[in-house]
Amino acid sequence: MRNWAAYSLVVGLCVAITLAPALQRWAWLLYDAGDVCRVP
């Protein structure tokens, strides 16, 4: 059971590292950063 948990943790970390740049790129395309920086 411990080996399966460690294996799934490593696989999840690798997937997150692989997908992080793509997710950041989509966040910039879909979300306007100007709205975040604007102070009301």
N, C-alpha and C. Protein backbone atom coordinates (compact mmCIF):
# COMPACT_ATOMS: atom_id res chain seq x y z
N MET A 1 0.83 -1.20 0.00
CA MET A 1 0.00 0.00 0.00
C MET A 1 0.87 1.26 0.00
N ARG A 2 1.95 1.24 0.76
CA ARG A 2 2.82 2.40 0.82
C ARG A 2 3.50 2.65 -0.53
N ASN A 3 3.88 1.55 -1.23
CA ASN A 3 4.52 1.70 -2.54
C ASN A 3 3.55 2.33 -3.54
N TRP A 4 2.27 1.93 -3.49
CA TRP A 4 1.28 2.48 -4.41
C TRP A 4 1.09 3.97 -4.14
N ALA A 5 1.07 4.38 -2.89
CA ALA A 5 0.90 5.79 -2.55
C ALA A 5 2.09 6.61 -3.03
N ALA A 6 3.29 6.10 -2.86
CA ALA A 6 4.48 6.82 -3.32
C ALA A 6 4.50 6.91 -4.84
N TYR A 7 4.13 5.83 -5.50
CA TYR A 7 4.10 5.82 -6.96
C TYR A 7 3.08 6.83 -7.49
N SER A 8 1.89 6.86 -6.91
CA SER A 8 0.87 7.79 -7.38
C SER A 8 1.27 9.23 -7.09
N LEU A 9 1.96 9.47 -6.00
CA LEU A 9 2.44 10.80 -5.68
C LEU A 9 3.46 11.28 -6.70
N VAL A 10 4.40 10.41 -7.06
CA VAL A 10 5.42 10.78 -8.04
C VAL A 10 4.79 11.01 -9.41
N VAL A 11 3.86 10.15 -9.81
CA VAL A 11 3.20 10.32 -11.10
C VAL A 11 2.40 11.61 -11.13
N GLY A 12 1.68 11.90 -10.05
CA GLY A 12 0.92 13.15 -9.99
C GLY A 12 1.82 14.37 -10.05
N LEU A 13 2.96 14.32 -9.40
CA LEU A 13 3.90 15.43 -9.43
C LEU A 13 4.45 15.63 -10.84
N CYS A 14 4.78 14.54 -11.52
CA CYS A 14 5.30 14.64 -12.89
C CYS A 14 4.24 15.21 -13.83
N VAL A 15 3.01 14.79 -13.66
CA VAL A 15 1.93 15.31 -14.51
C VAL A 15 1.73 16.80 -14.24
N ALA A 16 1.77 17.20 -12.98
CA ALA A 16 1.59 18.61 -12.65
C ALA A 16 2.71 19.46 -13.22
N ILE A 17 3.95 18.98 -13.15
CA ILE A 17 5.09 19.72 -13.70
C ILE A 17 4.97 19.82 -15.22
N THR A 18 4.48 18.74 -15.84
CA THR A 18 4.35 18.74 -17.30
C THR A 18 3.25 19.69 -17.75
N LEU A 19 2.14 19.73 -17.04
CA LEU A 19 1.00 20.53 -17.48
C LEU A 19 1.04 21.98 -16.99
N ALA A 20 1.91 22.31 -16.06
CA ALA A 20 1.92 23.65 -15.49
C ALA A 20 2.13 24.76 -16.53
N PRO A 21 3.11 24.67 -17.44
CA PRO A 21 3.27 25.75 -18.42
C PRO A 21 2.04 25.93 -19.32
N ALA A 22 1.43 24.82 -19.73
CA ALA A 22 0.25 24.92 -20.58
C ALA A 22 -0.91 25.56 -19.81
N LEU A 23 -1.08 25.19 -18.55
CA LEU A 23 -2.16 25.77 -17.76
C LEU A 23 -1.94 27.26 -17.52
N GLN A 24 -0.70 27.66 -17.32
CA GLN A 24 -0.41 29.08 -17.13
C GLN A 24 -0.68 29.85 -18.41
N ARG A 25 -0.32 29.27 -19.55
CA ARG A 25 -0.55 29.92 -20.83
C ARG A 25 -2.05 30.10 -21.06
N TRP A 26 -2.84 29.07 -20.78
CA TRP A 26 -4.29 29.17 -20.95
C TRP A 26 -4.87 30.19 -19.98
N ALA A 27 -4.33 30.28 -18.77
CA ALA A 27 -4.84 31.25 -17.80
C ALA A 27 -4.62 32.67 -18.32
N TRP A 28 -3.48 32.95 -18.96
CA TRP A 28 -3.23 34.28 -19.49
C TRP A 28 -4.14 34.57 -20.67
N LEU A 29 -4.46 33.55 -21.46
CA LEU A 29 -5.32 33.78 -22.62
C LEU A 29 -6.79 33.99 -22.21
N LEU A 30 -7.22 33.25 -21.19
CA LEU A 30 -8.63 33.28 -20.82
C LEU A 30 -8.95 34.35 -19.79
N TYR A 31 -7.94 34.82 -19.06
CA TYR A 31 -8.19 35.74 -17.96
C TYR A 31 -7.38 37.01 -18.17
N ASP A 32 -8.04 38.14 -18.16
CA ASP A 32 -7.35 39.40 -18.40
C ASP A 32 -6.61 39.83 -17.14
N ALA A 33 -5.29 39.93 -17.22
CA ALA A 33 -4.49 40.30 -16.06
C ALA A 33 -4.67 41.76 -15.69
N GLY A 34 -5.13 42.58 -16.61
CA GLY A 34 -5.34 43.99 -16.32
C GLY A 34 -6.41 44.20 -15.27
N ASP A 35 -7.40 43.33 -15.23
CA ASP A 35 -8.45 43.45 -14.23
C ASP A 35 -7.93 43.16 -12.84
N VAL A 36 -6.93 42.30 -12.75
CA VAL A 36 -6.38 41.94 -11.45
C VAL A 36 -5.55 43.10 -10.87
N CYS A 37 -4.80 43.78 -11.73
CA CYS A 37 -3.89 44.83 -11.27
C CYS A 37 -4.59 46.16 -11.06
N ARG A 38 -5.77 46.32 -11.60
CA ARG A 38 -6.48 47.58 -11.49
C ARG A 38 -7.04 47.75 -10.07
N VAL A 39 -6.78 48.90 -9.46
CA VAL A 39 -7.27 49.16 -8.11
C VAL A 39 -8.51 50.04 -8.22
N PRO A 40 -9.61 49.62 -7.60
CA PRO A 40 -10.85 50.42 -7.72
C PRO A 40 -10.76 51.75 -6.99
